[in-house]
Amino acid sequence: MTPELVIFDCDGVLVDTEPTTDRVISANLARYGLNIAPDMVHKMFGGGTLMGIGEEARRMGADLPGNWLDQTYDEVFAALALGVDVMPGVVDLLDKLDAAGIPTAIASNGPLAKMKVSLTPSGLLDRFAGRIYSGHDYAPKPAPAMLLHAMDVAGAAPVATWMIDDMPAGWDAAAAARCGCFAYVAEGGAARAGGHTAVPVTHMDQIAAALNL
C-alpha cells in the first residue's frame, strides 16, 4: 500500500540536535548540584520534554530556580543556533516522498521555537511549513494525539500512515495511534527497539526501500 502520510520526529531523525542538547542540559544540571553525563542525559530523558526533565531533576535533588525552564531553553537555543547537521539520508528520502506525491509532517515533543532554530538553516522548516506539530500544543508522545491530528489534517488513514522516530516515546505513540512505525536506531542497532512493534532501521535508505520509493 502506498503511504498516505509519513510523519517524522525532529530531533535525532531530521537533525542531529541531541548531542548538543544533551551537553547543554548536562552542564546546566551540574550547576544545580546534579551531575549527569551527557550520554546518561540522553539515556534517561531522550524523547521527553524539557519540562519533564526539570521535574525529574528536582525529584533527584537538583535545586532548580523557578525560571529554570526558560533559562535552559535559552541555553539550548543559543547552542543550536551555532548549527546542527541534517541526519544522513533525510534529504534523499524527502525528495523521493515528494516525487511520489506522499505527504509528510513533523510530530515532535520539542517546542516549535526550538524546531525553528534547528530546521531553518537547512531549509527543512520551509519544507514542512504548515505541517509541524509540537508536544507543547498537543499531548506529547507517547500519547498519540499529535499523530492523530497530523493524520486528520492530511486525511490519512492510520493503516496508511508511517511514523519515523528514534525514541520509545515515538514508537509507543505510533502503536497507540495504530499506524506503522520505523524505529530509527542508527545508534544502538535493532536491539534498542526490542519489545516494540516498530520496524528497526539504521539508515533512511532502508525506509525508502520498505516503502517502495
N, C-alpha and C. Protein backbone atom coordinates (compact mmCIF):
# COMPACT_ATOMS: atom_id res chain seq x y z
N MET A 1 0.84 -1.20 0.00
CA MET A 1 0.00 0.00 0.00
C MET A 1 0.88 1.25 0.00
N THR A 2 0.58 2.18 -0.91
CA THR A 2 1.30 3.44 -0.94
C THR A 2 0.91 4.28 0.28
N PRO A 3 1.89 4.77 1.02
CA PRO A 3 1.55 5.57 2.21
C PRO A 3 0.75 6.82 1.84
N GLU A 4 -0.15 7.18 2.73
CA GLU A 4 -0.90 8.42 2.58
C GLU A 4 -0.26 9.54 3.38
N LEU A 5 0.67 9.19 4.28
CA LEU A 5 1.35 10.19 5.11
C LEU A 5 2.56 9.54 5.77
N VAL A 6 3.67 10.29 5.82
CA VAL A 6 4.84 9.87 6.58
C VAL A 6 5.16 10.99 7.57
N ILE A 7 5.18 10.65 8.86
CA ILE A 7 5.41 11.62 9.92
C ILE A 7 6.82 11.43 10.48
N PHE A 8 7.55 12.51 10.56
CA PHE A 8 8.92 12.49 11.07
C PHE A 8 8.98 13.08 12.48
N ASP A 9 9.73 12.43 13.37
CA ASP A 9 10.18 13.10 14.57
C ASP A 9 11.22 14.13 14.11
N CYS A 10 11.59 15.05 14.98
CA CYS A 10 12.56 16.08 14.60
C CYS A 10 13.96 15.75 15.10
N ASP A 11 14.17 15.84 16.42
CA ASP A 11 15.50 15.66 16.99
C ASP A 11 15.96 14.21 16.87
N GLY A 12 17.10 14.02 16.23
CA GLY A 12 17.64 12.69 16.07
C GLY A 12 17.11 11.94 14.87
N VAL A 13 16.16 12.53 14.15
CA VAL A 13 15.62 11.93 12.94
C VAL A 13 15.84 12.85 11.74
N LEU A 14 15.43 14.11 11.87
CA LEU A 14 15.68 15.08 10.80
C LEU A 14 17.02 15.79 10.99
N VAL A 15 17.29 16.21 12.21
CA VAL A 15 18.52 16.94 12.50
C VAL A 15 19.19 16.37 13.76
N ASP A 16 20.50 16.47 13.78
CA ASP A 16 21.29 15.86 14.86
C ASP A 16 21.47 16.84 16.01
N THR A 17 20.36 17.16 16.67
CA THR A 17 20.39 18.13 17.75
C THR A 17 20.74 17.51 19.10
N GLU A 18 20.57 16.22 19.23
CA GLU A 18 20.62 15.61 20.55
C GLU A 18 21.98 15.70 21.25
N PRO A 19 23.11 15.51 20.55
CA PRO A 19 24.39 15.67 21.25
C PRO A 19 24.57 17.06 21.85
N THR A 20 24.16 18.08 21.10
CA THR A 20 24.26 19.45 21.61
C THR A 20 23.33 19.66 22.80
N THR A 21 22.09 19.23 22.65
CA THR A 21 21.11 19.40 23.73
C THR A 21 21.53 18.64 24.99
N ASP A 22 21.99 17.42 24.82
CA ASP A 22 22.42 16.62 25.97
C ASP A 22 23.58 17.29 26.70
N ARG A 23 24.51 17.85 25.94
CA ARG A 23 25.67 18.51 26.54
C ARG A 23 25.25 19.76 27.33
N VAL A 24 24.34 20.53 26.76
CA VAL A 24 23.87 21.75 27.43
C VAL A 24 23.12 21.40 28.72
N ILE A 25 22.24 20.42 28.65
CA ILE A 25 21.47 20.03 29.83
C ILE A 25 22.37 19.47 30.91
N SER A 26 23.35 18.67 30.52
CA SER A 26 24.29 18.11 31.50
C SER A 26 25.03 19.21 32.24
N ALA A 27 25.55 20.18 31.51
CA ALA A 27 26.28 21.28 32.14
C ALA A 27 25.36 22.12 33.01
N ASN A 28 24.14 22.32 32.53
CA ASN A 28 23.17 23.11 33.28
C ASN A 28 22.84 22.45 34.62
N LEU A 29 22.50 21.16 34.60
CA LEU A 29 22.12 20.47 35.83
C LEU A 29 23.27 20.41 36.83
N ALA A 30 24.50 20.33 36.31
CA ALA A 30 25.66 20.29 37.20
C ALA A 30 25.76 21.56 38.03
N ARG A 31 25.34 22.69 37.45
CA ARG A 31 25.37 23.95 38.19
C ARG A 31 24.41 23.95 39.36
N TYR A 32 23.42 23.06 39.31
CA TYR A 32 22.41 23.00 40.38
C TYR A 32 22.53 21.72 41.21
N GLY A 33 23.72 21.14 41.18
CA GLY A 33 24.02 20.04 42.10
C GLY A 33 23.69 18.66 41.61
N LEU A 34 23.34 18.49 40.33
CA LEU A 34 23.01 17.17 39.81
C LEU A 34 23.95 16.84 38.66
N ASN A 35 24.87 15.93 38.88
CA ASN A 35 25.88 15.59 37.88
C ASN A 35 25.43 14.37 37.07
N ILE A 36 25.05 14.61 35.83
CA ILE A 36 24.65 13.54 34.92
C ILE A 36 25.41 13.76 33.61
N ALA A 37 26.21 12.79 33.21
CA ALA A 37 26.99 12.91 31.97
C ALA A 37 26.05 13.03 30.77
N PRO A 38 26.50 13.69 29.69
CA PRO A 38 25.64 13.87 28.52
C PRO A 38 25.05 12.57 27.98
N ASP A 39 25.84 11.49 27.95
CA ASP A 39 25.29 10.23 27.42
C ASP A 39 24.19 9.68 28.31
N MET A 40 24.30 9.93 29.62
CA MET A 40 23.25 9.49 30.52
C MET A 40 22.02 10.39 30.44
N VAL A 41 22.23 11.67 30.17
CA VAL A 41 21.09 12.56 29.93
C VAL A 41 20.24 12.00 28.79
N HIS A 42 20.92 11.55 27.73
CA HIS A 42 20.22 11.00 26.58
C HIS A 42 19.48 9.72 26.95
N LYS A 43 20.14 8.84 27.69
CA LYS A 43 19.51 7.57 28.06
C LYS A 43 18.33 7.77 29.00
N MET A 44 18.48 8.70 29.92
CA MET A 44 17.44 8.90 30.93
C MET A 44 16.25 9.72 30.43
N PHE A 45 16.52 10.71 29.58
CA PHE A 45 15.49 11.68 29.25
C PHE A 45 15.16 11.77 27.76
N GLY A 46 15.89 11.05 26.91
CA GLY A 46 15.70 11.17 25.47
C GLY A 46 14.26 10.92 25.05
N GLY A 47 13.74 11.79 24.19
CA GLY A 47 12.38 11.66 23.70
C GLY A 47 11.34 12.33 24.57
N GLY A 48 11.76 12.83 25.73
CA GLY A 48 10.82 13.50 26.63
C GLY A 48 10.81 15.00 26.40
N THR A 49 10.24 15.73 27.35
CA THR A 49 10.18 17.18 27.27
C THR A 49 11.13 17.80 28.28
N LEU A 50 11.53 19.03 28.03
CA LEU A 50 12.42 19.72 28.97
C LEU A 50 11.71 19.94 30.30
N MET A 51 10.42 20.18 30.25
CA MET A 51 9.66 20.31 31.49
C MET A 51 9.74 19.03 32.31
N GLY A 52 9.61 17.90 31.62
CA GLY A 52 9.70 16.62 32.30
C GLY A 52 11.08 16.38 32.89
N ILE A 53 12.12 16.83 32.18
CA ILE A 53 13.49 16.71 32.70
C ILE A 53 13.62 17.52 33.98
N GLY A 54 13.09 18.73 33.97
CA GLY A 54 13.15 19.58 35.16
C GLY A 54 12.45 18.95 36.35
N GLU A 55 11.28 18.37 36.10
CA GLU A 55 10.53 17.74 37.19
C GLU A 55 11.31 16.56 37.78
N GLU A 56 11.90 15.74 36.91
CA GLU A 56 12.67 14.60 37.40
C GLU A 56 13.94 15.05 38.09
N ALA A 57 14.59 16.08 37.56
CA ALA A 57 15.81 16.59 38.17
C ALA A 57 15.54 17.08 39.59
N ARG A 58 14.41 17.74 39.78
CA ARG A 58 14.06 18.20 41.13
C ARG A 58 13.83 17.01 42.06
N ARG A 59 13.19 15.96 41.54
CA ARG A 59 12.97 14.77 42.36
C ARG A 59 14.30 14.12 42.74
N MET A 60 15.31 14.30 41.86
CA MET A 60 16.62 13.70 42.12
C MET A 60 17.50 14.60 42.98
N GLY A 61 16.98 15.75 43.38
CA GLY A 61 17.70 16.60 44.31
C GLY A 61 18.28 17.88 43.74
N ALA A 62 18.07 18.16 42.45
CA ALA A 62 18.60 19.40 41.87
C ALA A 62 17.83 20.60 42.40
N ASP A 63 18.54 21.64 42.78
CA ASP A 63 17.93 22.86 43.32
C ASP A 63 17.72 23.84 42.18
N LEU A 64 16.69 23.58 41.37
CA LEU A 64 16.45 24.39 40.17
C LEU A 64 15.66 25.65 40.53
N PRO A 65 16.03 26.77 39.93
CA PRO A 65 15.29 28.02 40.17
C PRO A 65 13.93 27.99 39.49
N GLY A 66 13.07 28.91 39.86
CA GLY A 66 11.74 28.97 39.29
C GLY A 66 11.71 29.23 37.80
N ASN A 67 12.73 29.93 37.31
CA ASN A 67 12.78 30.25 35.88
C ASN A 67 13.65 29.26 35.10
N TRP A 68 13.88 28.09 35.68
CA TRP A 68 14.81 27.13 35.07
C TRP A 68 14.42 26.76 33.64
N LEU A 69 13.14 26.54 33.40
CA LEU A 69 12.71 26.10 32.07
C LEU A 69 13.06 27.14 31.01
N ASP A 70 12.70 28.40 31.24
CA ASP A 70 13.01 29.46 30.27
C ASP A 70 14.52 29.63 30.13
N GLN A 71 15.23 29.59 31.24
CA GLN A 71 16.68 29.74 31.22
C GLN A 71 17.33 28.66 30.38
N THR A 72 16.88 27.42 30.57
CA THR A 72 17.50 26.30 29.88
C THR A 72 17.15 26.30 28.40
N TYR A 73 15.92 26.67 28.07
CA TYR A 73 15.57 26.80 26.64
C TYR A 73 16.47 27.84 25.98
N ASP A 74 16.73 28.95 26.65
CA ASP A 74 17.61 29.97 26.08
C ASP A 74 19.00 29.39 25.82
N GLU A 75 19.51 28.60 26.74
CA GLU A 75 20.84 28.00 26.58
C GLU A 75 20.85 27.00 25.42
N VAL A 76 19.80 26.18 25.34
CA VAL A 76 19.72 25.19 24.27
C VAL A 76 19.61 25.87 22.91
N PHE A 77 18.74 26.89 22.81
CA PHE A 77 18.55 27.58 21.53
C PHE A 77 19.85 28.24 21.07
N ALA A 78 20.56 28.86 22.01
CA ALA A 78 21.81 29.53 21.66
C ALA A 78 22.82 28.53 21.11
N ALA A 79 22.88 27.35 21.70
CA ALA A 79 23.81 26.32 21.22
C ALA A 79 23.39 25.79 19.86
N LEU A 80 22.10 25.55 19.68
CA LEU A 80 21.62 25.03 18.39
C LEU A 80 21.78 26.04 17.28
N ALA A 81 21.69 27.31 17.61
CA ALA A 81 21.82 28.37 16.59
C ALA A 81 23.20 28.39 15.96
N LEU A 82 24.17 27.76 16.62
CA LEU A 82 25.52 27.68 16.05
C LEU A 82 25.58 26.68 14.90
N GLY A 83 24.53 25.87 14.76
CA GLY A 83 24.45 24.96 13.62
C GLY A 83 24.38 23.50 14.04
N VAL A 84 23.51 22.73 13.35
CA VAL A 84 23.40 21.29 13.56
C VAL A 84 23.35 20.62 12.19
N ASP A 85 23.75 19.35 12.17
CA ASP A 85 23.76 18.60 10.91
C ASP A 85 22.40 17.98 10.62
N VAL A 86 22.06 17.90 9.34
CA VAL A 86 20.90 17.13 8.91
C VAL A 86 21.29 15.65 8.96
N MET A 87 20.39 14.80 9.42
CA MET A 87 20.70 13.38 9.54
C MET A 87 20.95 12.76 8.16
N PRO A 88 21.87 11.82 8.07
CA PRO A 88 22.21 11.20 6.78
C PRO A 88 21.00 10.58 6.09
N GLY A 89 20.85 10.89 4.82
CA GLY A 89 19.80 10.29 4.01
C GLY A 89 18.45 10.96 4.09
N VAL A 90 18.28 11.93 4.98
CA VAL A 90 16.97 12.56 5.15
C VAL A 90 16.52 13.30 3.90
N VAL A 91 17.40 14.11 3.34
CA VAL A 91 17.01 14.90 2.16
C VAL A 91 16.65 13.99 1.00
N ASP A 92 17.43 12.93 0.78
CA ASP A 92 17.11 11.99 -0.29
C ASP A 92 15.75 11.34 -0.07
N LEU A 93 15.46 10.94 1.18
CA LEU A 93 14.17 10.33 1.47
C LEU A 93 13.04 11.31 1.22
N LEU A 94 13.21 12.55 1.65
CA LEU A 94 12.18 13.56 1.42
C LEU A 94 11.96 13.80 -0.07
N ASP A 95 13.05 13.83 -0.83
CA ASP A 95 12.93 14.02 -2.28
C ASP A 95 12.12 12.89 -2.92
N LYS A 96 12.36 11.66 -2.46
CA LYS A 96 11.63 10.51 -3.01
C LYS A 96 10.16 10.55 -2.61
N LEU A 97 9.88 10.95 -1.37
CA LEU A 97 8.49 11.07 -0.94
C LEU A 97 7.77 12.14 -1.75
N ASP A 98 8.44 13.28 -1.95
CA ASP A 98 7.84 14.35 -2.76
C ASP A 98 7.57 13.88 -4.18
N ALA A 99 8.55 13.17 -4.76
CA ALA A 99 8.40 12.70 -6.14
C ALA A 99 7.23 11.73 -6.27
N ALA A 100 6.96 10.97 -5.20
CA ALA A 100 5.86 10.02 -5.21
C ALA A 100 4.53 10.65 -4.79
N GLY A 101 4.57 11.94 -4.44
CA GLY A 101 3.35 12.64 -4.04
C GLY A 101 2.84 12.23 -2.67
N ILE A 102 3.74 11.77 -1.80
CA ILE A 102 3.35 11.32 -0.47
C ILE A 102 3.52 12.47 0.53
N PRO A 103 2.46 12.90 1.19
CA PRO A 103 2.55 13.99 2.15
C PRO A 103 3.43 13.63 3.35
N THR A 104 4.02 14.66 3.96
CA THR A 104 4.86 14.48 5.14
C THR A 104 4.46 15.48 6.22
N ALA A 105 4.87 15.18 7.45
CA ALA A 105 4.63 16.08 8.57
C ALA A 105 5.68 15.83 9.63
N ILE A 106 5.75 16.70 10.62
CA ILE A 106 6.63 16.54 11.77
C ILE A 106 5.77 16.47 13.02
N ALA A 107 6.10 15.53 13.90
CA ALA A 107 5.48 15.46 15.23
C ALA A 107 6.59 15.30 16.25
N SER A 108 6.88 16.37 16.98
CA SER A 108 8.00 16.39 17.92
C SER A 108 7.52 16.83 19.30
N ASN A 109 8.13 16.26 20.34
CA ASN A 109 7.82 16.72 21.69
C ASN A 109 8.43 18.09 21.99
N GLY A 110 9.38 18.52 21.18
CA GLY A 110 10.03 19.80 21.39
C GLY A 110 9.14 20.96 21.00
N PRO A 111 9.43 22.16 21.51
CA PRO A 111 8.63 23.34 21.17
C PRO A 111 8.88 23.81 19.74
N LEU A 112 7.92 24.49 19.18
CA LEU A 112 8.05 24.99 17.81
C LEU A 112 9.24 25.94 17.71
N ALA A 113 9.48 26.74 18.74
CA ALA A 113 10.61 27.68 18.69
C ALA A 113 11.93 26.95 18.52
N LYS A 114 12.07 25.82 19.17
CA LYS A 114 13.31 25.04 19.03
C LYS A 114 13.43 24.49 17.62
N MET A 115 12.33 24.00 17.05
CA MET A 115 12.37 23.46 15.69
C MET A 115 12.71 24.56 14.69
N LYS A 116 12.23 25.77 14.93
CA LYS A 116 12.56 26.88 14.03
C LYS A 116 14.07 27.12 14.01
N VAL A 117 14.68 27.05 15.20
CA VAL A 117 16.13 27.27 15.29
C VAL A 117 16.90 26.15 14.58
N SER A 118 16.50 24.91 14.83
CA SER A 118 17.28 23.78 14.32
C SER A 118 17.00 23.45 12.86
N LEU A 119 15.82 23.76 12.35
CA LEU A 119 15.44 23.36 10.99
C LEU A 119 15.62 24.45 9.95
N THR A 120 15.69 25.70 10.37
CA THR A 120 15.75 26.80 9.41
C THR A 120 17.01 26.78 8.55
N PRO A 121 18.22 26.61 9.11
CA PRO A 121 19.43 26.71 8.28
C PRO A 121 19.46 25.74 7.09
N SER A 122 18.89 24.56 7.27
CA SER A 122 18.92 23.54 6.21
C SER A 122 17.78 23.67 5.23
N GLY A 123 16.82 24.54 5.52
CA GLY A 123 15.65 24.67 4.66
C GLY A 123 14.53 23.71 5.01
N LEU A 124 14.74 22.87 6.02
CA LEU A 124 13.71 21.89 6.37
C LEU A 124 12.48 22.55 6.99
N LEU A 125 12.66 23.68 7.65
CA LEU A 125 11.49 24.36 8.23
C LEU A 125 10.51 24.74 7.13
N ASP A 126 11.02 25.34 6.06
CA ASP A 126 10.15 25.73 4.95
C ASP A 126 9.56 24.51 4.26
N ARG A 127 10.33 23.44 4.22
CA ARG A 127 9.88 22.24 3.53
C ARG A 127 8.66 21.61 4.22
N PHE A 128 8.58 21.77 5.52
CA PHE A 128 7.46 21.22 6.29
C PHE A 128 6.45 22.29 6.72
N ALA A 129 6.53 23.46 6.15
CA ALA A 129 5.69 24.59 6.59
C ALA A 129 4.21 24.21 6.63
N GLY A 130 3.58 24.51 7.77
CA GLY A 130 2.16 24.23 7.94
C GLY A 130 1.85 22.82 8.38
N ARG A 131 2.89 21.99 8.51
CA ARG A 131 2.68 20.58 8.87
C ARG A 131 3.63 20.18 9.99
N ILE A 132 3.87 21.10 10.93
CA ILE A 132 4.78 20.86 12.05
C ILE A 132 3.98 20.92 13.34
N TYR A 133 4.02 19.84 14.10
CA TYR A 133 3.22 19.73 15.31
C TYR A 133 4.13 19.49 16.52
N SER A 134 3.80 20.16 17.62
CA SER A 134 4.64 20.13 18.81
C SER A 134 3.88 19.56 20.01
N GLY A 135 4.61 18.83 20.84
CA GLY A 135 4.03 18.31 22.07
C GLY A 135 3.69 19.40 23.07
N HIS A 136 4.08 20.64 22.78
CA HIS A 136 3.69 21.76 23.63
C HIS A 136 2.29 22.26 23.27
N ASP A 137 1.79 21.81 22.12
CA ASP A 137 0.45 22.20 21.69
C ASP A 137 -0.55 21.05 21.77
N TYR A 138 -0.04 19.84 21.79
CA TYR A 138 -0.85 18.63 21.89
C TYR A 138 -0.23 17.77 22.99
N ALA A 139 -0.96 16.76 23.45
CA ALA A 139 -0.36 15.86 24.44
C ALA A 139 0.90 15.25 23.84
N PRO A 140 2.05 15.33 24.54
CA PRO A 140 3.30 14.83 23.97
C PRO A 140 3.32 13.32 23.85
N LYS A 141 4.15 12.83 22.94
CA LYS A 141 4.38 11.40 22.85
C LYS A 141 4.90 10.90 24.20
N PRO A 142 4.47 9.73 24.66
CA PRO A 142 3.87 8.61 23.93
C PRO A 142 2.36 8.69 23.68
N ALA A 143 1.70 9.76 24.09
CA ALA A 143 0.29 9.91 23.72
C ALA A 143 0.20 10.04 22.19
N PRO A 144 -0.87 9.54 21.60
CA PRO A 144 -0.98 9.54 20.13
C PRO A 144 -1.56 10.82 19.55
N ALA A 145 -1.86 11.83 20.40
CA ALA A 145 -2.63 13.00 19.95
C ALA A 145 -2.04 13.69 18.73
N MET A 146 -0.72 13.94 18.76
CA MET A 146 -0.10 14.66 17.63
C MET A 146 -0.22 13.87 16.34
N LEU A 147 0.01 12.57 16.43
CA LEU A 147 -0.03 11.73 15.23
C LEU A 147 -1.45 11.68 14.68
N LEU A 148 -2.42 11.55 15.57
CA LEU A 148 -3.81 11.51 15.13
C LEU A 148 -4.22 12.83 14.48
N HIS A 149 -3.73 13.94 15.05
CA HIS A 149 -4.04 15.24 14.45
C HIS A 149 -3.41 15.37 13.07
N ALA A 150 -2.15 14.95 12.95
CA ALA A 150 -1.47 15.02 11.65
C ALA A 150 -2.21 14.18 10.61
N MET A 151 -2.68 13.02 11.02
CA MET A 151 -3.43 12.17 10.09
C MET A 151 -4.75 12.81 9.71
N ASP A 152 -5.41 13.42 10.67
CA ASP A 152 -6.69 14.07 10.40
C ASP A 152 -6.52 15.22 9.41
N VAL A 153 -5.48 16.04 9.62
CA VAL A 153 -5.23 17.16 8.71
C VAL A 153 -4.92 16.66 7.30
N ALA A 154 -4.15 15.59 7.21
CA ALA A 154 -3.76 15.06 5.90
C ALA A 154 -4.84 14.19 5.26
N GLY A 155 -5.87 13.83 6.03
CA GLY A 155 -6.88 12.92 5.52
C GLY A 155 -6.34 11.52 5.32
N ALA A 156 -5.38 11.13 6.16
CA ALA A 156 -4.72 9.84 6.02
C ALA A 156 -5.24 8.84 7.04
N ALA A 157 -5.39 7.60 6.61
CA ALA A 157 -5.82 6.54 7.50
C ALA A 157 -4.63 6.01 8.29
N PRO A 158 -4.82 5.60 9.54
CA PRO A 158 -3.71 5.03 10.31
C PRO A 158 -3.01 3.88 9.60
N VAL A 159 -3.78 3.03 8.95
CA VAL A 159 -3.18 1.87 8.29
C VAL A 159 -2.27 2.27 7.14
N ALA A 160 -2.44 3.51 6.63
CA ALA A 160 -1.63 4.00 5.52
C ALA A 160 -0.66 5.09 5.95
N THR A 161 -0.40 5.18 7.25
CA THR A 161 0.50 6.20 7.79
C THR A 161 1.70 5.54 8.45
N TRP A 162 2.87 6.17 8.28
CA TRP A 162 4.10 5.70 8.93
C TRP A 162 4.73 6.82 9.75
N MET A 163 5.20 6.48 10.93
CA MET A 163 5.96 7.38 11.78
C MET A 163 7.43 6.96 11.74
N ILE A 164 8.32 7.95 11.76
CA ILE A 164 9.76 7.67 11.86
C ILE A 164 10.25 8.34 13.14
N ASP A 165 10.72 7.55 14.10
CA ASP A 165 11.13 8.11 15.38
C ASP A 165 12.33 7.34 15.90
N ASP A 166 13.14 8.01 16.70
CA ASP A 166 14.34 7.36 17.23
C ASP A 166 14.21 7.00 18.71
N MET A 167 13.05 7.26 19.31
CA MET A 167 12.90 7.04 20.74
C MET A 167 11.63 6.25 21.07
N PRO A 168 11.66 5.50 22.18
CA PRO A 168 10.49 4.69 22.56
C PRO A 168 9.20 5.48 22.67
N ALA A 169 9.28 6.74 23.10
CA ALA A 169 8.05 7.54 23.21
C ALA A 169 7.34 7.64 21.87
N GLY A 170 8.10 7.80 20.80
CA GLY A 170 7.52 7.88 19.47
C GLY A 170 7.00 6.54 18.99
N TRP A 171 7.74 5.48 19.29
CA TRP A 171 7.30 4.14 18.88
C TRP A 171 5.99 3.79 19.57
N ASP A 172 5.89 4.13 20.85
CA ASP A 172 4.67 3.84 21.60
C ASP A 172 3.50 4.71 21.12
N ALA A 173 3.80 5.96 20.75
CA ALA A 173 2.75 6.83 20.22
C ALA A 173 2.19 6.27 18.93
N ALA A 174 3.07 5.77 18.07
CA ALA A 174 2.62 5.18 16.80
C ALA A 174 1.76 3.94 17.06
N ALA A 175 2.18 3.12 18.01
CA ALA A 175 1.39 1.93 18.34
C ALA A 175 0.01 2.32 18.85
N ALA A 176 -0.04 3.37 19.68
CA ALA A 176 -1.32 3.83 20.21
C ALA A 176 -2.20 4.43 19.12
N ALA A 177 -1.57 5.04 18.12
CA ALA A 177 -2.32 5.63 17.01
C ALA A 177 -2.66 4.61 15.94
N ARG A 178 -2.14 3.39 16.11
CA ARG A 178 -2.39 2.28 15.19
C ARG A 178 -1.85 2.54 13.78
N CYS A 179 -0.74 3.27 13.74
CA CYS A 179 -0.09 3.45 12.44
C CYS A 179 1.24 2.69 12.44
N GLY A 180 1.85 2.58 11.26
CA GLY A 180 3.14 1.92 11.16
C GLY A 180 4.23 2.80 11.73
N CYS A 181 5.36 2.20 12.05
CA CYS A 181 6.45 2.98 12.63
C CYS A 181 7.80 2.37 12.28
N PHE A 182 8.72 3.23 11.88
CA PHE A 182 10.12 2.84 11.71
C PHE A 182 10.89 3.37 12.91
N ALA A 183 11.58 2.48 13.60
CA ALA A 183 12.45 2.87 14.71
C ALA A 183 13.83 3.16 14.15
N TYR A 184 14.18 4.45 14.10
CA TYR A 184 15.49 4.84 13.57
C TYR A 184 16.53 4.63 14.66
N VAL A 185 17.33 3.58 14.51
CA VAL A 185 18.26 3.17 15.57
C VAL A 185 19.68 3.08 15.01
N ALA A 186 20.10 4.16 14.32
CA ALA A 186 21.48 4.19 13.81
C ALA A 186 22.47 4.06 14.96
N GLU A 187 22.11 4.58 16.12
CA GLU A 187 22.91 4.39 17.32
C GLU A 187 22.24 3.33 18.19
N GLY A 188 22.95 2.24 18.43
CA GLY A 188 22.40 1.18 19.27
C GLY A 188 21.92 -0.03 18.52
N GLY A 189 21.54 0.13 17.25
CA GLY A 189 21.12 -1.00 16.45
C GLY A 189 19.74 -1.52 16.78
N ALA A 190 19.36 -2.58 16.08
CA ALA A 190 18.00 -3.10 16.17
C ALA A 190 17.62 -3.53 17.58
N ALA A 191 18.59 -3.96 18.37
CA ALA A 191 18.29 -4.43 19.72
C ALA A 191 17.63 -3.34 20.56
N ARG A 192 17.91 -2.07 20.22
CA ARG A 192 17.35 -0.97 21.01
C ARG A 192 15.84 -0.87 20.86
N ALA A 193 15.31 -1.43 19.77
CA ALA A 193 13.87 -1.40 19.54
C ALA A 193 13.19 -2.67 20.03
N GLY A 194 13.92 -3.52 20.73
CA GLY A 194 13.35 -4.75 21.23
C GLY A 194 12.16 -4.50 22.13
N GLY A 195 11.13 -5.33 21.97
CA GLY A 195 9.92 -5.17 22.77
C GLY A 195 8.92 -4.19 22.19
N HIS A 196 9.27 -3.57 21.06
CA HIS A 196 8.36 -2.62 20.40
C HIS A 196 7.95 -3.18 19.04
N THR A 197 6.82 -2.71 18.55
CA THR A 197 6.33 -3.19 17.25
C THR A 197 6.95 -2.43 16.09
N ALA A 198 7.67 -1.35 16.37
CA ALA A 198 8.29 -0.55 15.32
C ALA A 198 9.34 -1.37 14.57
N VAL A 199 9.47 -1.08 13.28
CA VAL A 199 10.44 -1.77 12.42
C VAL A 199 11.78 -1.06 12.54
N PRO A 200 12.83 -1.73 13.04
CA PRO A 200 14.12 -1.05 13.21
C PRO A 200 14.83 -0.81 11.89
N VAL A 201 15.38 0.40 11.73
CA VAL A 201 16.20 0.75 10.56
C VAL A 201 17.39 1.55 11.06
N THR A 202 18.49 1.45 10.32
CA THR A 202 19.69 2.19 10.70
C THR A 202 20.07 3.25 9.68
N HIS A 203 19.34 3.32 8.56
CA HIS A 203 19.60 4.35 7.55
C HIS A 203 18.30 4.67 6.83
N MET A 204 18.15 5.91 6.42
CA MET A 204 16.92 6.32 5.73
C MET A 204 16.70 5.58 4.42
N ASP A 205 17.76 5.08 3.80
CA ASP A 205 17.62 4.30 2.57
C ASP A 205 16.75 3.07 2.78
N GLN A 206 16.83 2.49 3.97
CA GLN A 206 16.03 1.31 4.28
C GLN A 206 14.54 1.66 4.31
N ILE A 207 14.23 2.86 4.74
CA ILE A 207 12.83 3.30 4.75
C ILE A 207 12.33 3.48 3.33
N ALA A 208 13.14 4.11 2.50
CA ALA A 208 12.74 4.30 1.09
C ALA A 208 12.49 2.95 0.42
N ALA A 209 13.34 1.98 0.69
CA ALA A 209 13.18 0.65 0.10
C ALA A 209 11.91 -0.02 0.62
N ALA A 210 11.67 0.09 1.93
CA ALA A 210 10.49 -0.55 2.52
C ALA A 210 9.19 0.05 1.98
N LEU A 211 9.23 1.33 1.61
CA LEU A 211 8.04 2.00 1.07
C LEU A 211 7.98 1.94 -0.45
N ASN A 212 8.92 1.19 -1.03
CA ASN A 212 8.96 1.02 -2.50
C ASN A 212 9.11 2.34 -3.24
N LEU A 213 9.96 3.22 -2.71
CA LEU A 213 10.17 4.52 -3.34
C LEU A 213 11.33 4.45 -4.33
